[in-house]
Amino acid sequence: MRREAAHLVKAAAGGETVPMSQTPEQRGEERLSRAEIGKDAAQSAIEATAGTVAEVTTIVTTAVRGVASALGGLATEVFEIREAARRAARRAED
């Protein structure tokens, strides 16, 4: 079965199986120029790069936000500890 099917290909339009001995045009496929193939490859590479940059930017932004939040929480705790220490010192004086 495999050897029989090896010489067949599905046409782009309609999905019918046709012999590979036919030209792409005869199979209903579009022949692309080298320039168009290059353009498509460059476009795909740029789109992939843009998607990756966006993903990395989101990761970095989330990380910076998390660090800022953690440092803000630490500063709040330090202020509270300092205030508690002042209150304790005042009580000790009384």
C-alpha atoms as a PDB file:
ATOM      1  CA  MET A   1       0.000   0.000   0.000  1.00  0.00           C
ATOM      2  CA  ARG A   2       2.791   2.417   0.826  1.00  0.00           C
ATOM      3  CA  ARG A   3       4.579   1.918  -2.496  1.00  0.00           C
ATOM      4  CA  GLU A   4       1.350   2.502  -4.355  1.00  0.00           C
ATOM      5  CA  ALA A   5       0.615   5.735  -2.483  1.00  0.00           C
ATOM      6  CA  ALA A   6       4.170   7.084  -2.779  1.00  0.00           C
ATOM      7  CA  HIS A   7       3.538   8.404  -6.281  1.00  0.00           C
ATOM      8  CA  LEU A   8       0.343  10.232  -5.300  1.00  0.00           C
ATOM      9  CA  VAL A   9      -0.085  13.675  -3.797  1.00  0.00           C
ATOM     10  CA  LYS A  10      -3.116  15.618  -2.586  1.00  0.00           C
ATOM     11  CA  ALA A  11      -3.928  18.654  -4.707  1.00  0.00           C
ATOM     12  CA  ALA A  12      -4.145  21.949  -2.816  1.00  0.00           C
ATOM     13  CA  ALA A  13      -7.632  22.766  -4.066  1.00  0.00           C
ATOM     14  CA  GLY A  14     -10.272  20.143  -3.454  1.00  0.00           C
ATOM     15  CA  GLY A  15      -8.059  17.603  -1.698  1.00  0.00           C
ATOM     16  CA  GLU A  16      -8.328  14.931  -4.407  1.00  0.00           C
ATOM     17  CA  THR A  17      -5.386  12.567  -4.865  1.00  0.00           C
ATOM     18  CA  VAL A  18      -3.565  12.898  -8.211  1.00  0.00           C
ATOM     19  CA  PRO A  19      -0.384  11.369  -9.681  1.00  0.00           C
ATOM     20  CA  MET A  20       2.849  13.209  -8.831  1.00  0.00           C
ATOM     21  CA  SER A  21       3.898  13.108 -12.489  1.00  0.00           C
ATOM     22  CA  GLN A  22       1.587  16.074 -13.044  1.00  0.00           C
ATOM     23  CA  THR A  23       3.015  19.584 -12.773  1.00  0.00           C
ATOM     24  CA  PRO A  24       1.988  21.686  -9.768  1.00  0.00           C
ATOM     25  CA  GLU A  25      -0.301  23.715 -12.033  1.00  0.00           C
ATOM     26  CA  GLN A  26      -1.973  20.544 -13.312  1.00  0.00           C
ATOM     27  CA  ARG A  27      -2.468  19.411  -9.709  1.00  0.00           C
ATOM     28  CA  GLY A  28      -4.179  22.707  -8.901  1.00  0.00           C
ATOM     29  CA  GLU A  29      -1.196  24.025  -6.950  1.00  0.00           C
ATOM     30  CA  GLU A  30       0.317  27.456  -7.259  1.00  0.00           C
ATOM     31  CA  ARG A  31       4.009  27.715  -8.214  1.00  0.00           C
ATOM     32  CA  LEU A  32       5.821  30.327  -6.132  1.00  0.00           C
ATOM     33  CA  SER A  33       8.810  32.332  -7.315  1.00  0.00           C
ATOM     34  CA  ARG A  34      12.045  32.305  -5.329  1.00  0.00           C
ATOM     35  CA  ALA A  35      11.453  35.948  -4.433  1.00  0.00           C
ATOM     36  CA  GLU A  36       8.012  35.169  -3.016  1.00  0.00           C
ATOM     37  CA  ILE A  37       9.348  32.182  -1.103  1.00  0.00           C
ATOM     38  CA  GLY A  38      12.096  34.409   0.333  1.00  0.00           C
ATOM     39  CA  LYS A  39       9.571  37.091   1.220  1.00  0.00           C
ATOM     40  CA  ASP A  40       7.345  34.546   2.945  1.00  0.00           C
ATOM     41  CA  ALA A  41      10.300  33.131   4.880  1.00  0.00           C
ATOM     42  CA  ALA A  42      11.419  36.616   5.963  1.00  0.00           C
ATOM     43  CA  GLN A  43       7.863  37.520   6.969  1.00  0.00           C
ATOM     44  CA  SER A  44       7.524  34.348   9.037  1.00  0.00           C
ATOM     45  CA  ALA A  45      10.883  34.995  10.719  1.00  0.00           C
ATOM     46  CA  ILE A  46       9.904  38.579  11.565  1.00  0.00           C
ATOM     47  CA  GLU A  47       6.522  37.474  12.922  1.00  0.00           C
ATOM     48  CA  ALA A  48       8.167  34.783  15.045  1.00  0.00           C
ATOM     49  CA  THR A  49      10.727  37.283  16.346  1.00  0.00           C
ATOM     50  CA  ALA A  50       8.018  39.822  17.182  1.00  0.00           C
ATOM     51  CA  GLY A  51       6.043  37.173  19.048  1.00  0.00           C
ATOM     52  CA  THR A  52       9.106  36.110  21.015  1.00  0.00           C
ATOM     53  CA  VAL A  53      10.009  39.717  21.853  1.00  0.00           C
ATOM     54  CA  ALA A  54       6.465  40.280  23.096  1.00  0.00           C
ATOM     55  CA  GLU A  55       6.602  37.118  25.203  1.00  0.00           C
ATOM     56  CA  VAL A  56       9.979  38.050  26.722  1.00  0.00           C
ATOM     57  CA  THR A  57       8.785  41.611  27.356  1.00  0.00           C
ATOM     58  CA  THR A  58       5.772  40.252  29.224  1.00  0.00           C
ATOM     59  CA  ILE A  59       8.002  37.980  31.302  1.00  0.00           C
ATOM     60  CA  VAL A  60      10.393  40.824  32.162  1.00  0.00           C
ATOM     61  CA  THR A  61       7.548  43.235  32.931  1.00  0.00           C
ATOM     62  CA  THR A  62       5.919  40.689  35.226  1.00  0.00           C
ATOM     63  CA  ALA A  63       9.246  40.049  36.954  1.00  0.00           C
ATOM     64  CA  VAL A  64       9.911  43.775  37.468  1.00  0.00           C
ATOM     65  CA  ARG A  65       6.398  44.232  38.826  1.00  0.00           C
ATOM     66  CA  GLY A  66       6.947  41.319  41.223  1.00  0.00           C
ATOM     67  CA  VAL A  67      10.284  42.709  42.434  1.00  0.00           C
ATOM     68  CA  ALA A  68       8.775  46.173  42.934  1.00  0.00           C
ATOM     69  CA  SER A  69       5.904  44.659  44.893  1.00  0.00           C
ATOM     70  CA  ALA A  70       8.257  42.611  47.076  1.00  0.00           C
ATOM     71  CA  LEU A  71      10.465  45.625  47.789  1.00  0.00           C
ATOM     72  CA  GLY A  72       7.389  47.727  48.593  1.00  0.00           C
ATOM     73  CA  GLY A  73       6.215  45.049  51.011  1.00  0.00           C
ATOM     74  CA  LEU A  74       9.651  44.963  52.642  1.00  0.00           C
ATOM     75  CA  ALA A  75       9.688  48.759  53.013  1.00  0.00           C
ATOM     76  CA  THR A  76       6.240  48.647  54.637  1.00  0.00           C
ATOM     77  CA  GLU A  77       7.432  46.006  57.100  1.00  0.00           C
ATOM     78  CA  VAL A  78      10.565  48.026  57.930  1.00  0.00           C
ATOM     79  CA  PHE A  79       8.427  51.123  58.632  1.00  0.00           C
ATOM     80  CA  GLU A  80       6.095  49.070  60.836  1.00  0.00           C
ATOM     81  CA  ILE A  81       9.028  47.524  62.729  1.00  0.00           C
ATOM     82  CA  ARG A  82      10.594  50.961  63.225  1.00  0.00           C
ATOM     83  CA  GLU A  83       7.301  52.382  64.504  1.00  0.00           C
ATOM     84  CA  ALA A  84       6.820  49.400  66.853  1.00  0.00           C
ATOM     85  CA  ALA A  85      10.368  49.882  68.165  1.00  0.00           C
ATOM     86  CA  ARG A  86       9.652  53.581  68.843  1.00  0.00           C
ATOM     87  CA  ARG A  87       6.460  52.714  70.697  1.00  0.00           C
ATOM     88  CA  ALA A  88       8.301  50.095  72.749  1.00  0.00           C
ATOM     89  CA  ALA A  89      11.059  52.584  73.597  1.00  0.00           C
ATOM     90  CA  ARG A  90       8.501  55.204  74.709  1.00  0.00           C
ATOM     91  CA  ARG A  91       6.762  52.637  76.914  1.00  0.00           C
ATOM     92  CA  ALA A  92      10.067  51.619  78.436  1.00  0.00           C
ATOM     93  CA  GLU A  93      10.769  55.288  79.325  1.00  0.00           C
ATOM     94  CA  ASP A  94       7.417  55.679  81.081  1.00  0.00           C
END
